[in-house]
PDB file of all heavy atoms in Angstrom:
ATOM      1  N   GLN A   1      27.356 -36.590  53.302  1.00  0.00           N
ATOM      2  CA  GLN A   1      27.820 -35.367  52.595  1.00  0.00           C
ATOM      3  C   GLN A   1      29.115 -34.825  53.236  1.00  0.00           C
ATOM      4  O   GLN A   1      30.011 -34.345  52.519  1.00  0.00           O
ATOM      5  CB  GLN A   1      26.727 -34.303  52.666  1.00  0.00           C
ATOM      6  CG  GLN A   1      27.075 -32.993  51.969  1.00  0.00           C
ATOM      7  CD  GLN A   1      25.974 -31.968  52.136  1.00  0.00           C
ATOM      8  OE1 GLN A   1      24.848 -32.266  52.548  1.00  0.00           O
ATOM      9  NE2 GLN A   1      26.275 -30.730  51.775  1.00  0.00           N
ATOM     10  N   TYR A   2      29.209 -34.903  54.565  1.00  0.00           N
ATOM     11  CA  TYR A   2      30.354 -34.316  55.286  1.00  0.00           C
ATOM     12  C   TYR A   2      31.329 -35.391  55.775  1.00  0.00           C
ATOM     13  O   TYR A   2      32.050 -35.128  56.724  1.00  0.00           O
ATOM     14  CB  TYR A   2      29.861 -33.472  56.470  1.00  0.00           C
ATOM     15  CG  TYR A   2      29.244 -32.166  56.054  1.00  0.00           C
ATOM     16  CD1 TYR A   2      27.859 -32.061  55.816  1.00  0.00           C
ATOM     17  CD2 TYR A   2      30.016 -31.028  55.867  1.00  0.00           C
ATOM     18  CE1 TYR A   2      27.283 -30.856  55.444  1.00  0.00           C
ATOM     19  CE2 TYR A   2      29.455 -29.829  55.508  1.00  0.00           C
ATOM     20  CZ  TYR A   2      28.084 -29.714  55.294  1.00  0.00           C
ATOM     21  OH  TYR A   2      27.550 -28.554  54.913  1.00  0.00           O
ATOM     22  N   ALA A   3      31.314 -36.546  55.139  1.00  0.00           N
ATOM     23  CA  ALA A   3      32.143 -37.659  55.624  1.00  0.00           C
ATOM     24  C   ALA A   3      33.601 -37.295  55.792  1.00  0.00           C
ATOM     25  O   ALA A   3      34.229 -37.586  56.815  1.00  0.00           O
ATOM     26  CB  ALA A   3      32.002 -38.847  54.700  1.00  0.00           C
ATOM     27  N   ASP A   4      34.195 -36.638  54.795  1.00  0.00           N
ATOM     28  CA  ASP A   4      35.597 -36.241  54.874  1.00  0.00           C
ATOM     29  C   ASP A   4      35.839 -35.250  55.994  1.00  0.00           C
ATOM     30  O   ASP A   4      36.878 -35.307  56.675  1.00  0.00           O
ATOM     31  CB  ASP A   4      36.056 -35.655  53.533  1.00  0.00           C
ATOM     32  CG  ASP A   4      36.105 -36.697  52.425  1.00  0.00           C
ATOM     33  OD1 ASP A   4      36.138 -37.909  52.754  1.00  0.00           O
ATOM     34  OD2 ASP A   4      36.079 -36.323  51.247  1.00  0.00           O
ATOM     35  N   TYR A   5      34.924 -34.293  56.149  1.00  0.00           N
ATOM     36  CA  TYR A   5      35.062 -33.276  57.173  1.00  0.00           C
ATOM     37  C   TYR A   5      34.950 -33.889  58.574  1.00  0.00           C
ATOM     38  O   TYR A   5      35.663 -33.516  59.498  1.00  0.00           O
ATOM     39  CB  TYR A   5      34.000 -32.198  56.987  1.00  0.00           C
ATOM     40  CG  TYR A   5      34.176 -30.987  57.868  1.00  0.00           C
ATOM     41  CD1 TYR A   5      35.302 -30.167  57.777  1.00  0.00           C
ATOM     42  CD2 TYR A   5      33.189 -30.659  58.793  1.00  0.00           C
ATOM     43  CE1 TYR A   5      35.434 -29.046  58.567  1.00  0.00           C
ATOM     44  CE2 TYR A   5      33.307 -29.532  59.584  1.00  0.00           C
ATOM     45  CZ  TYR A   5      34.455 -28.730  59.484  1.00  0.00           C
ATOM     46  OH  TYR A   5      34.581 -27.608  60.286  1.00  0.00           O
ATOM     47  N   ILE A   6      34.066 -34.867  58.728  1.00  0.00           N
ATOM     48  CA  ILE A   6      33.919 -35.558  59.996  1.00  0.00           C
ATOM     49  C   ILE A   6      35.227 -36.272  60.355  1.00  0.00           C
ATOM     50  O   ILE A   6      35.700 -36.229  61.500  1.00  0.00           O
ATOM     51  CB  ILE A   6      32.778 -36.583  59.959  1.00  0.00           C
ATOM     52  CG1 ILE A   6      31.438 -35.827  59.847  1.00  0.00           C
ATOM     53  CG2 ILE A   6      32.757 -37.495  61.157  1.00  0.00           C
ATOM     54  CD1 ILE A   6      30.227 -36.706  59.574  1.00  0.00           C
ATOM     55  N   LYS A   7      35.835 -36.953  59.385  1.00  0.00           N
ATOM     56  CA  LYS A   7      37.108 -37.624  59.587  1.00  0.00           C
ATOM     57  C   LYS A   7      38.202 -36.652  59.992  1.00  0.00           C
ATOM     58  O   LYS A   7      39.022 -36.916  60.875  1.00  0.00           O
ATOM     59  CB  LYS A   7      37.524 -38.400  58.328  1.00  0.00           C
ATOM     60  CG  LYS A   7      36.674 -39.622  58.038  1.00  0.00           C
ATOM     61  CD  LYS A   7      37.136 -40.287  56.765  1.00  0.00           C
ATOM     62  CE  LYS A   7      36.271 -41.478  56.393  1.00  0.00           C
ATOM     63  NZ  LYS A   7      36.685 -42.087  55.106  1.00  0.00           N
ATOM     64  N   GLU A   8      38.219 -35.496  59.317  1.00  0.00           N
ATOM     65  CA  GLU A   8      39.222 -34.471  59.606  1.00  0.00           C
ATOM     66  C   GLU A   8      39.118 -33.964  61.071  1.00  0.00           C
ATOM     67  O   GLU A   8      40.110 -33.801  61.750  1.00  0.00           O
ATOM     68  CB  GLU A   8      39.041 -33.311  58.624  1.00  0.00           C
ATOM     69  CG  GLU A   8      40.039 -32.188  58.760  1.00  0.00           C
ATOM     70  CD  GLU A   8      39.777 -31.060  57.787  1.00  0.00           C
ATOM     71  OE1 GLU A   8      38.919 -31.238  56.867  1.00  0.00           O
ATOM     72  OE2 GLU A   8      40.398 -30.003  57.925  1.00  0.00           O
ATOM     73  N   ASN A   9      37.879 -33.737  61.511  1.00  0.00           N
ATOM     74  CA  ASN A   9      37.676 -33.262  62.873  1.00  0.00           C
ATOM     75  C   ASN A   9      38.005 -34.332  63.910  1.00  0.00           C
ATOM     76  O   ASN A   9      38.592 -34.033  64.974  1.00  0.00           O
ATOM     77  CB  ASN A   9      36.244 -32.788  63.045  1.00  0.00           C
ATOM     78  CG  ASN A   9      36.009 -31.381  62.511  1.00  0.00           C
ATOM     79  OD1 ASN A   9      35.999 -30.416  63.235  1.00  0.00           O
ATOM     80  ND2 ASN A   9      35.825 -31.297  61.212  1.00  0.00           N
ATOM     81  N   LYS A  10      37.673 -35.590  63.626  1.00  0.00           N
ATOM     82  CA  LYS A  10      38.014 -36.678  64.522  1.00  0.00           C
ATOM     83  C   LYS A  10      39.522 -36.828  64.654  1.00  0.00           C
ATOM     84  O   LYS A  10      40.065 -37.041  65.750  1.00  0.00           O
ATOM     85  CB  LYS A  10      37.375 -37.979  64.027  1.00  0.00           C
ATOM     86  CG  LYS A  10      37.602 -39.148  64.978  1.00  0.00           C
ATOM     87  CD  LYS A  10      36.956 -40.427  64.466  1.00  0.00           C
ATOM     88  CE  LYS A  10      37.085 -41.573  65.446  1.00  0.00           C
ATOM     89  NZ  LYS A  10      38.482 -41.864  65.835  1.00  0.00           N
ATOM     90  N   ALA A  11      40.211 -36.723  63.528  1.00  0.00           N
ATOM     91  CA  ALA A  11      41.673 -36.846  63.523  1.00  0.00           C
ATOM     92  C   ALA A  11      42.304 -35.745  64.358  1.00  0.00           C
ATOM     93  O   ALA A  11      43.275 -35.956  65.095  1.00  0.00           O
ATOM     94  CB  ALA A  11      42.184 -36.814  62.086  1.00  0.00           C
ATOM     95  N   PHE A  12      41.732 -34.546  64.254  1.00  0.00           N
ATOM     96  CA  PHE A  12      42.239 -33.423  65.052  1.00  0.00           C
ATOM     97  C   PHE A  12      42.117 -33.739  66.549  1.00  0.00           C
ATOM     98  O   PHE A  12      43.056 -33.559  67.324  1.00  0.00           O
ATOM     99  CB  PHE A  12      41.476 -32.138  64.738  1.00  0.00           C
ATOM    100  CG  PHE A  12      41.769 -30.999  65.644  1.00  0.00           C
ATOM    101  CD1 PHE A  12      42.865 -30.174  65.414  1.00  0.00           C
ATOM    102  CD2 PHE A  12      40.976 -30.760  66.786  1.00  0.00           C
ATOM    103  CE1 PHE A  12      43.179 -29.144  66.310  1.00  0.00           C
ATOM    104  CE2 PHE A  12      41.261 -29.747  67.672  1.00  0.00           C
ATOM    105  CZ  PHE A  12      42.368 -28.916  67.420  1.00  0.00           C
ATOM    106  N   LEU A  13      40.919 -34.199  66.976  1.00  0.00           N
ATOM    107  CA  LEU A  13      40.695 -34.468  68.388  1.00  0.00           C
ATOM    108  C   LEU A  13      41.569 -35.598  68.881  1.00  0.00           C
ATOM    109  O   LEU A  13      42.097 -35.557  69.994  1.00  0.00           O
ATOM    110  CB  LEU A  13      39.229 -34.771  68.623  1.00  0.00           C
ATOM    111  CG  LEU A  13      38.263 -33.596  68.501  1.00  0.00           C
ATOM    112  CD1 LEU A  13      36.819 -34.062  68.503  1.00  0.00           C
ATOM    113  CD2 LEU A  13      38.479 -32.587  69.675  1.00  0.00           C
ATOM    114  N   ASP A  14      41.741 -36.625  68.048  1.00  0.00           N
ATOM    115  CA  ASP A  14      42.556 -37.771  68.435  1.00  0.00           C
ATOM    116  C   ASP A  14      44.003 -37.357  68.656  1.00  0.00           C
ATOM    117  O   ASP A  14      44.656 -37.816  69.595  1.00  0.00           O
ATOM    118  CB  ASP A  14      42.506 -38.867  67.352  1.00  0.00           C
ATOM    119  CG  ASP A  14      41.195 -39.612  67.348  1.00  0.00           C
ATOM    120  OD1 ASP A  14      40.431 -39.523  68.318  1.00  0.00           O
ATOM    121  OD2 ASP A  14      40.910 -40.279  66.329  1.00  0.00           O
ATOM    122  N   ALA A  15      44.488 -36.465  67.792  1.00  0.00           N
ATOM    123  CA  ALA A  15      45.871 -35.991  67.916  1.00  0.00           C
ATOM    124  C   ALA A  15      45.997 -34.984  69.057  1.00  0.00           C
ATOM    125  O   ALA A  15      46.982 -34.999  69.860  1.00  0.00           O
ATOM    126  CB  ALA A  15      46.333 -35.344  66.627  1.00  0.00           C
ATOM    127  N   ASN A  16      44.962 -34.168  69.256  1.00  0.00           N
ATOM    128  CA  ASN A  16      45.029 -33.088  70.228  1.00  0.00           C
ATOM    129  C   ASN A  16      45.057 -33.625  71.663  1.00  0.00           C
ATOM    130  O   ASN A  16      45.735 -33.086  72.546  1.00  0.00           O
ATOM    131  CB  ASN A  16      43.847 -32.143  70.044  1.00  0.00           C
ATOM    132  CG  ASN A  16      43.961 -30.888  70.893  1.00  0.00           C
ATOM    133  OD1 ASN A  16      44.822 -30.054  70.651  1.00  0.00           O
ATOM    134  ND2 ASN A  16      43.089 -30.742  71.862  1.00  0.00           N
ATOM    135  N   LYS A  17      44.335 -34.718  71.923  1.00  0.00           N
ATOM    136  CA  LYS A  17      44.230 -35.234  73.283  1.00  0.00           C
ATOM    137  C   LYS A  17      45.547 -35.795  73.810  1.00  0.00           C
ATOM    138  O   LYS A  17      45.685 -36.006  75.034  1.00  0.00           O
ATOM    139  CB  LYS A  17      43.106 -36.279  73.390  1.00  0.00           C
ATOM    140  CG  LYS A  17      43.397 -37.568  72.663  1.00  0.00           C
ATOM    141  CD  LYS A  17      42.206 -38.497  72.790  1.00  0.00           C
ATOM    142  CE  LYS A  17      42.428 -39.817  72.048  1.00  0.00           C
ATOM    143  NZ  LYS A  17      41.228 -40.700  72.106  1.00  0.00           N
ATOM    144  N   THR A  18      46.499 -36.015  72.915  1.00  0.00           N
ATOM    145  CA  THR A  18      47.811 -36.554  73.338  1.00  0.00           C
ATOM    146  C   THR A  18      48.789 -35.452  73.628  1.00  0.00           C
ATOM    147  O   THR A  18      49.913 -35.720  74.063  1.00  0.00           O
ATOM    148  CB  THR A  18      48.373 -37.470  72.245  1.00  0.00           C
ATOM    149  OG1 THR A  18      48.638 -36.713  71.033  1.00  0.00           O
ATOM    150  CG2 THR A  18      47.419 -38.607  71.885  1.00  0.00           C
ATOM    151  N   LYS A  19      48.402 -34.188  73.367  1.00  0.00           N
ATOM    152  CA  LYS A  19      49.328 -33.060  73.523  1.00  0.00           C
ATOM    153  C   LYS A  19      49.483 -32.737  75.031  1.00  0.00           C
ATOM    154  O   LYS A  19      48.571 -32.962  75.829  1.00  0.00           O
ATOM    155  CB  LYS A  19      48.846 -31.849  72.755  1.00  0.00           C
ATOM    156  CG  LYS A  19      48.894 -32.033  71.252  1.00  0.00           C
ATOM    157  CD  LYS A  19      48.426 -30.778  70.540  1.00  0.00           C
ATOM    158  CE  LYS A  19      48.506 -30.952  69.001  1.00  0.00           C
ATOM    159  NZ  LYS A  19      48.027 -29.772  68.289  1.00  0.00           N
ATOM    160  N   GLU A  20      50.623 -32.194  75.335  1.00  0.00           N
ATOM    161  CA  GLU A  20      50.935 -31.873  76.743  1.00  0.00           C
ATOM    162  C   GLU A  20      49.925 -30.833  77.276  1.00  0.00           C
ATOM    163  O   GLU A  20      49.619 -29.825  76.643  1.00  0.00           O
ATOM    164  CB  GLU A  20      52.338 -31.305  76.831  1.00  0.00           C
ATOM    165  CG  GLU A  20      52.784 -31.018  78.258  1.00  0.00           C
ATOM    166  CD  GLU A  20      54.196 -30.504  78.334  1.00  0.00           C
ATOM    167  OE1 GLU A  20      54.892 -30.414  77.273  1.00  0.00           O
ATOM    168  OE2 GLU A  20      54.652 -30.147  79.448  1.00  0.00           O
ATOM    169  N   GLY A  21      49.403 -31.138  78.458  1.00  0.00           N
ATOM    170  CA  GLY A  21      48.514 -30.209  79.134  1.00  0.00           C
ATOM    171  C   GLY A  21      47.039 -30.346  78.789  1.00  0.00           C
ATOM    172  O   GLY A  21      46.185 -29.783  79.456  1.00  0.00           O
ATOM    173  N   VAL A  22      46.712 -31.124  77.748  1.00  0.00           N
ATOM    174  CA  VAL A  22      45.335 -31.289  77.322  1.00  0.00           C
ATOM    175  C   VAL A  22      44.685 -32.422  78.153  1.00  0.00           C
ATOM    176  O   VAL A  22      45.229 -33.505  78.241  1.00  0.00           O
ATOM    177  CB  VAL A  22      45.233 -31.613  75.821  1.00  0.00           C
ATOM    178  CG1 VAL A  22      43.774 -31.931  75.450  1.00  0.00           C
ATOM    179  CG2 VAL A  22      45.769 -30.446  75.003  1.00  0.00           C
ATOM    180  N   GLN A  23      43.539 -32.119  78.740  1.00  0.00           N
ATOM    181  CA  GLN A  23      42.802 -33.093  79.524  1.00  0.00           C
ATOM    182  C   GLN A  23      41.479 -33.403  78.821  1.00  0.00           C
ATOM    183  O   GLN A  23      40.934 -32.524  78.142  1.00  0.00           O
ATOM    184  CB  GLN A  23      42.530 -32.565  80.939  1.00  0.00           C
ATOM    185  CG  GLN A  23      43.823 -32.210  81.701  1.00  0.00           C
ATOM    186  CD  GLN A  23      43.543 -31.696  83.093  1.00  0.00           C
ATOM    187  OE1 GLN A  23      42.897 -32.389  83.883  1.00  0.00           O
ATOM    188  NE2 GLN A  23      44.027 -30.486  83.389  1.00  0.00           N
ATOM    189  N   THR A  24      40.978 -34.598  79.018  1.00  0.00           N
ATOM    190  CA  THR A  24      39.732 -35.013  78.362  1.00  0.00           C
ATOM    191  C   THR A  24      38.750 -35.521  79.425  1.00  0.00           C
ATOM    192  O   THR A  24      39.105 -36.348  80.245  1.00  0.00           O
ATOM    193  CB  THR A  24      39.997 -36.151  77.332  1.00  0.00           C
ATOM    194  OG1 THR A  24      40.981 -35.734  76.379  1.00  0.00           O
ATOM    195  CG2 THR A  24      38.701 -36.485  76.589  1.00  0.00           C
ATOM    196  N   THR A  25      37.522 -35.013  79.338  1.00  0.00           N
ATOM    197  CA  THR A  25      36.470 -35.464  80.304  1.00  0.00           C
ATOM    198  C   THR A  25      35.739 -36.696  79.720  1.00  0.00           C
ATOM    199  O   THR A  25      35.876 -36.990  78.513  1.00  0.00           O
ATOM    200  CB  THR A  25      35.469 -34.335  80.536  1.00  0.00           C
ATOM    201  OG1 THR A  25      34.681 -34.143  79.353  1.00  0.00           O
ATOM    202  CG2 THR A  25      36.166 -33.043  80.916  1.00  0.00           C
ATOM    203  N   PRO A  26      34.971 -37.396  80.535  1.00  0.00           N
ATOM    204  CA  PRO A  26      34.231 -38.561  80.034  1.00  0.00           C
ATOM    205  C   PRO A  26      33.322 -38.241  78.854  1.00  0.00           C
ATOM    206  O   PRO A  26      33.023 -39.117  78.022  1.00  0.00           O
ATOM    207  CB  PRO A  26      33.436 -39.027  81.251  1.00  0.00           C
ATOM    208  CG  PRO A  26      34.244 -38.595  82.431  1.00  0.00           C
ATOM    209  CD  PRO A  26      34.843 -37.290  82.029  1.00  0.00           C
ATOM    210  N   SER A  27      32.813 -37.027  78.737  1.00  0.00           N
ATOM    211  CA  SER A  27      31.914 -36.637  77.670  1.00  0.00           C
ATOM    212  C   SER A  27      32.653 -36.467  76.333  1.00  0.00           C
ATOM    213  O   SER A  27      32.009 -36.439  75.269  1.00  0.00           O
ATOM    214  CB  SER A  27      31.188 -35.333  77.995  1.00  0.00           C
ATOM    215  OG  SER A  27      32.092 -34.234  77.949  1.00  0.00           O
ATOM    216  N   GLY A  28      33.974 -36.298  76.387  1.00  0.00           N
ATOM    217  CA  GLY A  28      34.746 -36.073  75.182  1.00  0.00           C
ATOM    218  C   GLY A  28      35.268 -34.640  75.100  1.00  0.00           C
ATOM    219  O   GLY A  28      36.038 -34.321  74.190  1.00  0.00           O
ATOM    220  N   LEU A  29      34.854 -33.781  76.010  1.00  0.00           N
ATOM    221  CA  LEU A  29      35.371 -32.401  76.035  1.00  0.00           C
ATOM    222  C   LEU A  29      36.863 -32.396  76.345  1.00  0.00           C
ATOM    223  O   LEU A  29      37.300 -33.113  77.292  1.00  0.00           O
ATOM    224  CB  LEU A  29      34.626 -31.593  77.099  1.00  0.00           C
ATOM    225  CG  LEU A  29      35.187 -30.188  77.385  1.00  0.00           C
ATOM    226  CD1 LEU A  29      34.941 -29.265  76.223  1.00  0.00           C
ATOM    227  CD2 LEU A  29      34.580 -29.620  78.671  1.00  0.00           C
ATOM    228  N   GLN A  30      37.644 -31.659  75.580  1.00  0.00           N
ATOM    229  CA  GLN A  30      39.069 -31.516  75.859  1.00  0.00           C
ATOM    230  C   GLN A  30      39.346 -30.064  76.256  1.00  0.00           C
ATOM    231  O   GLN A  30      38.704 -29.132  75.740  1.00  0.00           O
ATOM    232  CB  GLN A  30      39.879 -31.857  74.571  1.00  0.00           C
ATOM    233  CG  GLN A  30      39.725 -33.282  74.131  1.00  0.00           C
ATOM    234  CD  GLN A  30      40.507 -33.583  72.847  1.00  0.00           C
ATOM    235  OE1 GLN A  30      41.322 -32.761  72.402  1.00  0.00           O
ATOM    236  NE2 GLN A  30      40.247 -34.728  72.263  1.00  0.00           N
ATOM    237  N   TYR A  31      40.283 -29.894  77.196  1.00  0.00           N
ATOM    238  CA  TYR A  31      40.601 -28.538  77.640  1.00  0.00           C
ATOM    239  C   TYR A  31      42.010 -28.472  78.120  1.00  0.00           C
ATOM    240  O   TYR A  31      42.628 -29.449  78.539  1.00  0.00           O
ATOM    241  CB  TYR A  31      39.640 -28.057  78.750  1.00  0.00           C
ATOM    242  CG  TYR A  31      39.748 -28.810  80.062  1.00  0.00           C
ATOM    243  CD1 TYR A  31      40.551 -28.325  81.093  1.00  0.00           C
ATOM    244  CD2 TYR A  31      39.061 -30.004  80.273  1.00  0.00           C
ATOM    245  CE1 TYR A  31      40.634 -29.011  82.307  1.00  0.00           C
ATOM    246  CE2 TYR A  31      39.148 -30.687  81.466  1.00  0.00           C
ATOM    247  CZ  TYR A  31      39.953 -30.187  82.471  1.00  0.00           C
ATOM    248  OH  TYR A  31      40.048 -30.868  83.670  1.00  0.00           O
ATOM    249  N   LYS A  32      42.556 -27.241  78.076  1.00  0.00           N
ATOM    250  CA  LYS A  32      43.922 -27.004  78.578  1.00  0.00           C
ATOM    251  C   LYS A  32      43.873 -25.763  79.431  1.00  0.00           C
ATOM    252  O   LYS A  32      43.323 -24.734  79.026  1.00  0.00           O
ATOM    253  CB  LYS A  32      44.888 -26.822  77.415  1.00  0.00           C
ATOM    254  CG  LYS A  32      46.322 -26.568  77.832  1.00  0.00           C
ATOM    255  CD  LYS A  32      47.294 -26.613  76.690  1.00  0.00           C
ATOM    256  CE  LYS A  32      47.070 -25.493  75.691  1.00  0.00           C
ATOM    257  NZ  LYS A  32      48.080 -25.501  74.611  1.00  0.00           N
ATOM    258  N   ILE A  33      44.405 -25.820  80.635  1.00  0.00           N
ATOM    259  CA  ILE A  33      44.410 -24.693  81.535  1.00  0.00           C
ATOM    260  C   ILE A  33      45.577 -23.765  81.183  1.00  0.00           C
ATOM    261  O   ILE A  33      46.732 -24.153  81.240  1.00  0.00           O
ATOM    262  CB  ILE A  33      44.533 -25.149  82.993  1.00  0.00           C
ATOM    263  CG1 ILE A  33      43.320 -26.024  83.363  1.00  0.00           C
ATOM    264  CG2 ILE A  33      44.615 -23.951  83.947  1.00  0.00           C
ATOM    265  CD1 ILE A  33      43.412 -26.669  84.763  1.00  0.00           C
TER     266      ILE A  33
END
């Protein structure tokens, strides 16, 4: 039911982790100080 929304969120995370200052933990959590 939410296939498109899942793809949209995954695409966001994939793009976000490459941004300056963003760090990713082994669990998949991303954060910026």
